[in-house]
Amino acid sequence: LINNVPTSQSKAVFSKKSIPFDAFSEIFWCLSRYEEYQWESAHKIPSHIVDNRKNLPQVVGVPELYSPDIHGRYPAKQSLLFQNGWLEIPIADKIIWLIGYCIDIQPLDHFEIIPTADIDMAMRFGGRSLFIRAGSLIKDFFLRPILILERLNAVASKKDPYQMDITTMPFLTSKKNHKIFVLNHRKRTDKNKQIHSEALRLELGRVKKIYGAKTDHWGMHPSWQDESNEFVALKEWQWEKAELEKYLEIPVLHSRLHFIHLRLPKSYQIIKQLGILNDWSMGYPEAIGFRAGTSKPYLWYDLLEEKSTALFVHPFCIMDVTCKNYLKLSHGISQEIGTTIKQTLEIMGGSFCFIFHNESISNSFPWKGWKNTIINWAENPKSHKTQ
């Protein structure tokens, strides 16, 4: 913004209006995720050293302050924005508007809604080994008998409820801005449960024939990997990217980390090595809001290297799993929160990027009714009606 105002005019403008804090430092602090770099160092301090630090003698359970969550992620509760109740406010965007006000220039941004889908399981019942299917059937019989009927319906109709062409693709392709992130991994684990590779190849090929595949819309969903082993993560993700490019026959330039397993700076440093140009992981899995204080994409600045990079970071602010599984919100409350955020962003020309899954939009158990919430999130806030 400053570069658009001649120096001779800048002094005159700021002599009339002022900001009582270092606005540019606050924006940089938010976007760079400075506190996450600090946390990465602090949470590795041995317990006996932390307990003996002179500046924290009165704190009980200090090591927990630096502990990751059960999936090894940076917890939202560690964030200063969360602790001050600012997480649902795109504070960096507001500061930019404040700067614009001071220099009499309105930021040239426009409001947009960006629905994005994560495909963790391309099929609910198919695409797995006989052993896994038999185990799932036994589990359903004892713990989830409602799914027995769904299985029978899938066999009779020859349509799996999670198939992308049933609900996910018709919904997304009706929107100009959308993204699809596909999980693809070599080894099935308790966190990586995609259908096996050959079944995924056939399924994506079938969907591609119907809807096509463009680089702007498709991306990889790097599998969950132990953050302590960068070499393994790099090798696995290289394989996943190469295979997905074969399946779709397009370059893959977008990514979103599975489980939002984002650890700075390692995650982005590995993603850069893959040739990814856009990452969509900047948000919290357990909280609604703006992890980096902004709704707009920006170039990632690596604090360790002290340089800007070519990797664009695209923030998201709300996710189906966050609302249902983490926060236990109803459909109505989830829609109201989405509406409130959209109304705020509409005023500032922000981007309302949200995440859903082919599972949740399928209206299949246990996601019955969530299709309406996802459709609701994608609607313009002016014509928005809570259902």
Protein backbone atom coordinates (compact mmCIF):
# COMPACT_ATOMS: atom_id res chain seq x y z
CA LEU A 1 0.00 0.00 0.00
CA ILE A 2 2.78 2.42 0.90
CA ASN A 3 4.45 1.94 -2.47
CA ASN A 4 1.36 3.34 -4.19
CA VAL A 5 1.71 6.68 -2.42
CA PRO A 6 4.43 9.19 -3.33
CA THR A 7 6.84 9.85 -0.48
CA SER A 8 6.04 13.55 -0.48
CA GLN A 9 2.38 12.76 0.22
CA SER A 10 2.97 10.04 2.79
CA LYS A 11 4.18 12.39 5.52
CA ALA A 12 1.23 14.71 5.00
CA VAL A 13 -1.24 11.82 5.21
CA PHE A 14 0.24 10.32 8.36
CA SER A 15 0.41 13.73 10.01
CA LYS A 16 -3.41 13.68 10.08
CA LYS A 17 -3.95 10.02 10.89
CA SER A 18 -1.84 7.61 12.89
CA ILE A 19 -1.73 4.03 14.11
CA PRO A 20 -0.68 3.64 17.78
CA PHE A 21 1.30 0.43 17.18
CA ASP A 22 3.71 -1.08 14.69
CA ALA A 23 1.19 -2.27 12.11
CA PHE A 24 3.71 -3.82 9.73
CA SER A 25 5.39 -5.79 12.52
CA GLU A 26 2.05 -7.19 13.66
CA ILE A 27 1.15 -8.26 10.12
CA PHE A 28 4.56 -9.89 9.69
CA TRP A 29 4.25 -11.64 13.06
CA CYS A 30 0.90 -13.10 12.05
CA LEU A 31 1.82 -14.16 8.51
CA SER A 32 5.26 -15.57 9.32
CA ARG A 33 3.81 -17.67 12.17
CA TYR A 34 6.63 -16.45 14.39
CA GLU A 35 5.05 -17.97 17.49
CA GLU A 36 5.00 -21.41 15.87
CA TYR A 37 8.74 -21.25 15.23
CA GLN A 38 9.21 -20.34 18.90
CA TRP A 39 6.95 -23.19 19.95
CA GLU A 40 8.82 -25.71 17.79
CA SER A 41 11.97 -24.88 19.72
CA ALA A 42 10.38 -24.55 23.15
CA HIS A 43 8.36 -27.77 23.19
CA LYS A 44 11.54 -29.78 22.62
CA ILE A 45 13.21 -28.46 25.79
CA PRO A 46 13.73 -31.35 28.27
CA SER A 47 11.29 -31.24 31.19
CA HIS A 48 13.93 -30.85 33.88
CA ILE A 49 15.34 -27.79 32.11
CA VAL A 50 11.92 -26.21 31.64
CA ASP A 51 10.94 -26.78 35.27
CA ASN A 52 14.13 -25.10 36.46
CA ARG A 53 13.88 -21.99 34.30
CA LYS A 54 14.08 -18.93 36.54
CA ASN A 55 11.35 -17.00 34.78
CA LEU A 56 8.74 -19.74 35.26
CA PRO A 57 9.14 -20.99 38.84
CA GLN A 58 5.48 -20.56 39.73
CA VAL A 59 3.97 -22.36 36.73
CA VAL A 60 2.64 -25.85 37.34
CA GLY A 61 2.93 -28.35 34.49
CA VAL A 62 5.06 -26.09 32.32
CA PRO A 63 6.02 -28.90 29.87
CA GLU A 64 2.36 -29.17 28.83
CA LEU A 65 2.55 -25.58 27.56
CA TYR A 66 4.83 -26.78 24.80
CA SER A 67 3.26 -30.16 24.06
CA PRO A 68 1.79 -30.93 20.65
CA ASP A 69 -1.67 -32.47 20.41
CA ILE A 70 -2.22 -36.22 20.08
CA HIS A 71 -1.41 -36.04 16.36
CA GLY A 72 1.81 -34.09 16.84
CA ARG A 73 0.37 -30.75 15.73
CA TYR A 74 0.68 -27.19 16.99
CA PRO A 75 -2.45 -26.64 19.15
CA ALA A 76 -4.68 -23.65 18.51
CA LYS A 77 -4.79 -22.96 22.26
CA GLN A 78 -1.08 -22.05 22.14
CA SER A 79 -1.81 -19.19 19.74
CA LEU A 80 -1.96 -15.64 21.05
CA LEU A 81 -4.88 -14.94 18.70
CA PHE A 82 -6.82 -17.82 20.28
CA GLN A 83 -5.94 -16.78 23.83
CA ASN A 84 -7.16 -13.23 23.21
CA GLY A 85 -10.36 -14.29 21.45
CA TRP A 86 -9.21 -12.93 18.08
CA LEU A 87 -8.96 -16.17 16.13
CA GLU A 88 -12.22 -15.70 14.22
CA ILE A 89 -11.16 -12.18 13.25
CA PRO A 90 -8.90 -11.76 10.18
CA ILE A 91 -6.84 -9.28 12.16
CA ALA A 92 -4.06 -8.84 9.58
CA ASP A 93 -6.67 -8.03 6.91
CA LYS A 94 -8.22 -5.44 9.23
CA ILE A 95 -4.85 -3.83 9.87
CA ILE A 96 -4.25 -3.57 6.13
CA TRP A 97 -7.56 -1.76 5.83
CA LEU A 98 -6.51 0.52 8.69
CA ILE A 99 -3.31 1.37 6.85
CA GLY A 100 -5.36 2.02 3.73
CA TYR A 101 -7.57 4.37 5.69
CA CYS A 102 -4.55 6.30 6.93
CA ILE A 103 -3.19 6.82 3.42
CA ASP A 104 -6.61 7.21 1.77
CA ILE A 105 -6.32 4.11 -0.38
CA GLN A 106 -8.76 1.21 -0.32
CA PRO A 107 -7.16 -2.23 -0.68
CA LEU A 108 -7.93 -3.75 -4.08
CA ASP A 109 -9.41 -7.02 -2.84
CA HIS A 110 -12.70 -8.72 -3.65
CA PHE A 111 -14.81 -11.13 -1.63
CA GLU A 112 -14.80 -14.77 -2.73
CA ILE A 113 -16.01 -18.12 -1.46
CA ILE A 114 -13.70 -21.08 -2.06
CA PRO A 115 -15.10 -24.56 -1.33
CA THR A 116 -12.39 -27.21 -1.02
CA ALA A 117 -12.82 -30.97 -0.70
CA ASP A 118 -10.50 -33.49 0.93
CA ILE A 119 -10.81 -37.02 -0.43
CA ASP A 120 -9.48 -39.17 2.39
CA MET A 121 -11.50 -42.21 1.29
CA ALA A 122 -12.66 -42.27 -2.34
CA MET A 123 -15.02 -45.16 -1.51
CA ARG A 124 -16.73 -46.21 1.69
CA PHE A 125 -17.01 -49.93 1.00
CA GLY A 126 -15.06 -50.73 -2.16
CA GLY A 127 -11.42 -50.56 -3.18
CA ARG A 128 -10.06 -52.56 -0.25
CA SER A 129 -8.72 -56.05 0.29
CA LEU A 130 -11.07 -58.90 1.20
CA PHE A 131 -9.47 -59.05 4.66
CA ILE A 132 -10.17 -55.37 5.40
CA ARG A 133 -13.71 -55.58 4.04
CA ALA A 134 -14.45 -58.65 6.14
CA GLY A 135 -13.10 -56.94 9.26
CA SER A 136 -15.18 -53.82 8.56
CA LEU A 137 -18.31 -55.93 8.04
CA ILE A 138 -17.84 -57.66 11.40
CA LYS A 139 -17.22 -54.31 13.11
CA ASP A 140 -20.36 -52.83 11.53
CA PHE A 141 -22.44 -55.81 12.60
CA PHE A 142 -21.58 -55.30 16.27
CA LEU A 143 -20.93 -51.52 16.52
CA ARG A 144 -22.63 -49.83 13.55
CA PRO A 145 -25.52 -51.98 12.35
CA ILE A 146 -26.94 -49.02 10.42
CA LEU A 147 -24.09 -49.46 7.93
CA ILE A 148 -25.20 -53.00 7.05
CA LEU A 149 -28.14 -51.51 5.17
CA GLU A 150 -25.86 -48.99 3.45
CA ARG A 151 -23.62 -51.84 2.32
CA LEU A 152 -26.56 -53.72 0.86
CA ASN A 153 -27.76 -50.59 -0.94
CA ALA A 154 -24.28 -50.02 -2.36
CA VAL A 155 -24.15 -53.59 -3.68
CA ALA A 156 -27.66 -53.39 -5.17
CA SER A 157 -27.15 -49.99 -6.81
CA LYS A 158 -23.48 -50.54 -7.66
CA LYS A 159 -22.86 -47.05 -6.32
CA ASP A 160 -20.68 -46.30 -3.31
CA PRO A 161 -21.99 -43.39 -1.17
CA TYR A 162 -18.55 -41.74 -1.19
CA GLN A 163 -18.13 -41.77 -4.98
CA MET A 164 -17.09 -38.28 -6.03
CA ASP A 165 -19.44 -38.11 -9.03
CA ILE A 166 -22.55 -38.62 -6.87
CA THR A 167 -22.43 -35.43 -4.78
CA THR A 168 -18.92 -33.99 -4.42
CA MET A 169 -18.12 -33.20 -8.06
CA PRO A 170 -21.59 -31.88 -9.03
CA PHE A 171 -21.40 -29.50 -6.06
CA LEU A 172 -17.83 -28.33 -6.71
CA THR A 173 -18.09 -27.92 -10.46
CA SER A 174 -21.04 -25.58 -9.96
CA LYS A 175 -18.60 -23.21 -8.23
CA LYS A 176 -16.01 -21.17 -10.11
CA ASN A 177 -13.35 -21.39 -7.39
CA HIS A 178 -12.89 -24.85 -5.95
CA LYS A 179 -10.16 -27.34 -5.05
CA ILE A 180 -10.01 -31.12 -4.60
CA PHE A 181 -7.22 -32.74 -2.57
CA VAL A 182 -6.73 -36.48 -2.96
CA LEU A 183 -5.00 -38.69 -0.40
CA ASN A 184 -2.78 -41.31 -2.01
CA HIS A 185 -0.35 -43.47 -0.04
CA ARG A 186 1.63 -46.69 -0.34
CA LYS A 187 0.96 -48.13 3.10
CA ARG A 188 -2.35 -48.23 4.94
CA THR A 189 -2.14 -47.08 8.58
CA ASP A 190 -4.56 -45.95 11.28
CA LYS A 191 -4.22 -42.39 9.92
CA ASN A 192 -3.90 -43.08 6.19
CA LYS A 193 -6.95 -45.10 5.10
CA GLN A 194 -7.38 -44.38 1.40
CA ILE A 195 -8.50 -47.21 -0.89
CA HIS A 196 -5.63 -49.14 -2.48
CA SER A 197 -3.73 -47.48 -5.32
CA GLU A 198 -5.10 -49.44 -8.27
CA ALA A 199 -8.70 -48.87 -7.15
CA LEU A 200 -7.95 -45.18 -6.68
CA ARG A 201 -6.42 -44.97 -10.16
CA LEU A 202 -9.54 -46.50 -11.71
CA GLU A 203 -11.88 -44.30 -9.68
CA LEU A 204 -10.04 -41.07 -10.54
CA GLY A 205 -9.87 -42.12 -14.17
CA ARG A 206 -13.64 -42.64 -14.20
CA VAL A 207 -14.30 -39.25 -12.56
CA LYS A 208 -11.81 -37.57 -14.92
CA LYS A 209 -13.72 -38.85 -17.97
CA ILE A 210 -16.89 -37.22 -16.68
CA TYR A 211 -15.56 -33.93 -15.31
CA GLY A 212 -12.07 -33.56 -16.72
CA ALA A 213 -9.06 -32.54 -14.67
CA LYS A 214 -7.41 -29.14 -14.51
CA THR A 215 -4.24 -28.23 -12.64
CA ASP A 216 -6.02 -25.27 -11.02
CA HIS A 217 -8.60 -27.51 -9.34
CA TRP A 218 -6.77 -30.69 -8.27
CA GLY A 219 -4.12 -31.15 -5.62
CA MET A 220 -2.39 -33.76 -3.48
CA HIS A 221 -3.24 -34.54 0.14
CA PRO A 222 0.18 -35.56 1.55
CA SER A 223 -0.26 -38.50 3.89
CA TRP A 224 0.32 -38.29 7.64
CA GLN A 225 4.00 -38.84 8.35
CA ASP A 226 6.04 -38.64 11.55
CA GLU A 227 7.41 -35.10 11.65
CA SER A 228 10.67 -36.38 13.13
CA ASN A 229 11.63 -38.24 9.94
CA GLU A 230 11.91 -35.69 7.14
CA PHE A 231 13.61 -38.11 4.74
CA VAL A 232 10.74 -40.62 4.89
CA ALA A 233 8.15 -37.87 4.49
CA LEU A 234 9.94 -36.49 1.43
CA LYS A 235 10.23 -39.90 -0.24
CA GLU A 236 6.62 -40.85 0.46
CA TRP A 237 5.24 -37.53 -0.73
CA GLN A 238 7.36 -37.64 -3.88
CA TRP A 239 5.82 -41.02 -4.69
CA GLU A 240 2.32 -39.79 -3.89
CA LYS A 241 2.68 -36.73 -6.11
CA ALA A 242 4.13 -38.72 -9.03
CA GLU A 243 1.36 -41.32 -8.85
CA LEU A 244 -1.40 -38.71 -8.65
CA GLU A 245 0.04 -36.93 -11.67
CA LYS A 246 -0.10 -40.24 -13.57
CA TYR A 247 -3.70 -40.83 -12.56
CA LEU A 248 -4.88 -37.34 -13.49
CA GLU A 249 -2.41 -36.69 -16.33
CA ILE A 250 -1.75 -33.15 -15.12
CA PRO A 251 0.98 -31.42 -13.06
CA VAL A 252 0.10 -31.30 -9.37
CA LEU A 253 0.94 -27.86 -7.95
CA HIS A 254 -1.45 -27.66 -4.98
CA SER A 255 -1.40 -29.48 -1.63
CA ARG A 256 -3.13 -29.73 1.70
CA LEU A 257 -1.59 -31.84 4.44
CA HIS A 258 -3.66 -34.79 5.65
CA PHE A 259 -4.88 -34.25 9.25
CA ILE A 260 -3.70 -30.63 8.78
CA HIS A 261 -0.41 -32.01 10.08
CA LEU A 262 1.41 -28.72 9.54
CA ARG A 263 4.68 -28.26 11.43
CA LEU A 264 6.67 -25.14 10.60
CA PRO A 265 9.08 -24.82 8.99
CA LYS A 266 9.67 -28.52 8.17
CA SER A 267 6.36 -29.19 6.42
CA TYR A 268 6.69 -26.27 4.04
CA GLN A 269 10.36 -26.93 3.40
CA ILE A 270 9.52 -30.47 2.25
CA ILE A 271 6.52 -29.32 0.22
CA LYS A 272 8.74 -26.83 -1.59
CA GLN A 273 11.09 -29.66 -2.60
CA LEU A 274 8.15 -31.41 -4.26
CA GLY A 275 7.63 -28.51 -6.62
CA ILE A 276 4.34 -27.52 -4.98
CA LEU A 277 3.53 -23.85 -5.52
CA ASN A 278 0.34 -23.52 -3.43
CA ASP A 279 -0.44 -25.01 -0.03
CA TRP A 280 -3.89 -24.91 1.59
CA SER A 281 -3.08 -26.19 5.10
CA MET A 282 -3.01 -22.88 7.00
CA GLY A 283 -5.75 -23.35 9.56
CA TYR A 284 -6.54 -25.34 12.69
CA PRO A 285 -8.27 -28.73 12.69
CA GLU A 286 -9.73 -28.19 16.17
CA ALA A 287 -10.69 -24.50 16.01
CA ILE A 288 -12.53 -22.13 13.69
CA GLY A 289 -10.71 -19.01 12.52
CA PHE A 290 -7.62 -17.59 10.91
CA ARG A 291 -4.40 -19.26 12.02
CA ALA A 292 -2.24 -16.60 10.34
CA GLY A 293 -4.64 -13.74 11.00
CA THR A 294 -5.57 -13.42 7.33
CA SER A 295 -8.06 -14.81 4.85
CA LYS A 296 -5.95 -13.95 1.80
CA PRO A 297 -3.16 -15.96 0.14
CA TYR A 298 0.40 -14.80 0.71
CA LEU A 299 3.97 -15.87 -0.01
CA TRP A 300 5.52 -17.89 2.80
CA TYR A 301 8.49 -16.26 4.51
CA ASP A 302 10.89 -18.78 6.04
CA LEU A 303 12.19 -17.27 9.26
CA LEU A 304 15.04 -19.77 9.54
CA GLU A 305 16.33 -18.93 6.08
CA GLU A 306 15.34 -15.27 6.48
CA LYS A 307 13.91 -15.05 2.98
CA SER A 308 10.65 -15.04 1.12
CA THR A 309 9.79 -18.13 -0.90
CA ALA A 310 7.74 -18.93 -4.01
CA LEU A 311 5.24 -20.97 -1.99
CA PHE A 312 1.79 -19.39 -1.75
CA VAL A 313 -0.06 -20.07 1.50
CA HIS A 314 -3.86 -20.20 1.20
CA PRO A 315 -5.66 -20.01 4.58
CA PHE A 316 -8.93 -21.78 5.41
CA CYS A 317 -11.17 -20.78 8.32
CA ILE A 318 -13.76 -23.50 8.90
CA MET A 319 -14.03 -27.25 8.35
CA ASP A 320 -16.79 -29.84 8.67
CA VAL A 321 -14.69 -32.07 10.97
CA THR A 322 -13.92 -29.10 13.23
CA CYS A 323 -17.58 -28.28 13.71
CA LYS A 324 -18.91 -31.82 14.11
CA ASN A 325 -16.14 -33.83 15.75
CA TYR A 326 -14.02 -31.31 17.66
CA LEU A 327 -16.52 -28.64 18.70
CA LYS A 328 -19.70 -30.80 18.64
CA LEU A 329 -21.68 -28.02 16.97
CA SER A 330 -25.14 -28.39 15.49
CA HIS A 331 -25.89 -27.74 11.83
CA GLY A 332 -27.58 -24.45 12.69
CA ILE A 333 -24.73 -23.10 14.84
CA SER A 334 -22.16 -24.16 12.19
CA GLN A 335 -24.12 -22.27 9.56
CA GLU A 336 -24.50 -19.19 11.74
CA ILE A 337 -20.76 -19.05 12.42
CA GLY A 338 -20.06 -19.43 8.70
CA THR A 339 -22.49 -16.61 7.91
CA THR A 340 -20.92 -14.28 10.47
CA ILE A 341 -17.42 -14.88 9.10
CA LYS A 342 -18.61 -14.40 5.51
CA GLN A 343 -20.30 -11.12 6.37
CA THR A 344 -17.07 -9.84 7.93
CA LEU A 345 -15.00 -10.94 4.95
CA GLU A 346 -17.45 -9.51 2.46
CA ILE A 347 -16.93 -6.04 3.89
CA MET A 348 -13.13 -6.32 3.61
CA GLY A 349 -12.97 -8.25 0.35
CA GLY A 350 -11.64 -11.36 2.05
CA SER A 351 -11.66 -15.03 1.03
CA PHE A 352 -13.97 -17.51 2.76
CA CYS A 353 -12.20 -20.82 2.21
CA PHE A 354 -13.78 -23.86 3.85
CA ILE A 355 -13.08 -27.59 3.93
CA PHE A 356 -15.50 -30.45 3.55
CA HIS A 357 -15.09 -34.14 2.69
CA ASN A 358 -16.80 -36.40 0.19
CA GLU A 359 -17.91 -38.28 3.31
CA SER A 360 -19.74 -35.33 4.88
CA ILE A 361 -21.52 -34.17 1.72
CA SER A 362 -22.70 -37.72 1.04
CA ASN A 363 -25.24 -37.48 3.90
CA SER A 364 -24.14 -40.98 4.82
CA PHE A 365 -23.83 -42.10 8.46
CA PRO A 366 -22.51 -40.41 10.61
CA TRP A 367 -22.77 -37.26 8.47
CA LYS A 368 -26.54 -37.18 8.02
CA GLY A 369 -27.70 -33.60 7.47
CA TRP A 370 -24.28 -32.04 6.93
CA LYS A 371 -24.80 -31.67 3.19
CA ASN A 372 -27.12 -28.71 3.90
CA THR A 373 -24.44 -27.05 6.03
CA ILE A 374 -21.82 -27.41 3.29
CA ILE A 375 -24.21 -25.99 0.68
CA ASN A 376 -25.02 -23.20 3.13
CA TRP A 377 -21.34 -22.29 3.55
CA ALA A 378 -21.00 -21.92 -0.22
CA GLU A 379 -23.85 -19.43 -0.51
CA ASN A 380 -23.46 -15.68 -0.72
CA PRO A 381 -24.01 -14.20 2.78
CA LYS A 382 -26.56 -11.64 1.54
CA SER A 383 -28.96 -14.38 0.42
CA HIS A 384 -27.97 -16.71 3.26
CA LYS A 385 -30.67 -18.42 5.31
CA THR A 386 -29.85 -20.67 8.24
CA GLN A 387 -31.49 -24.10 7.86
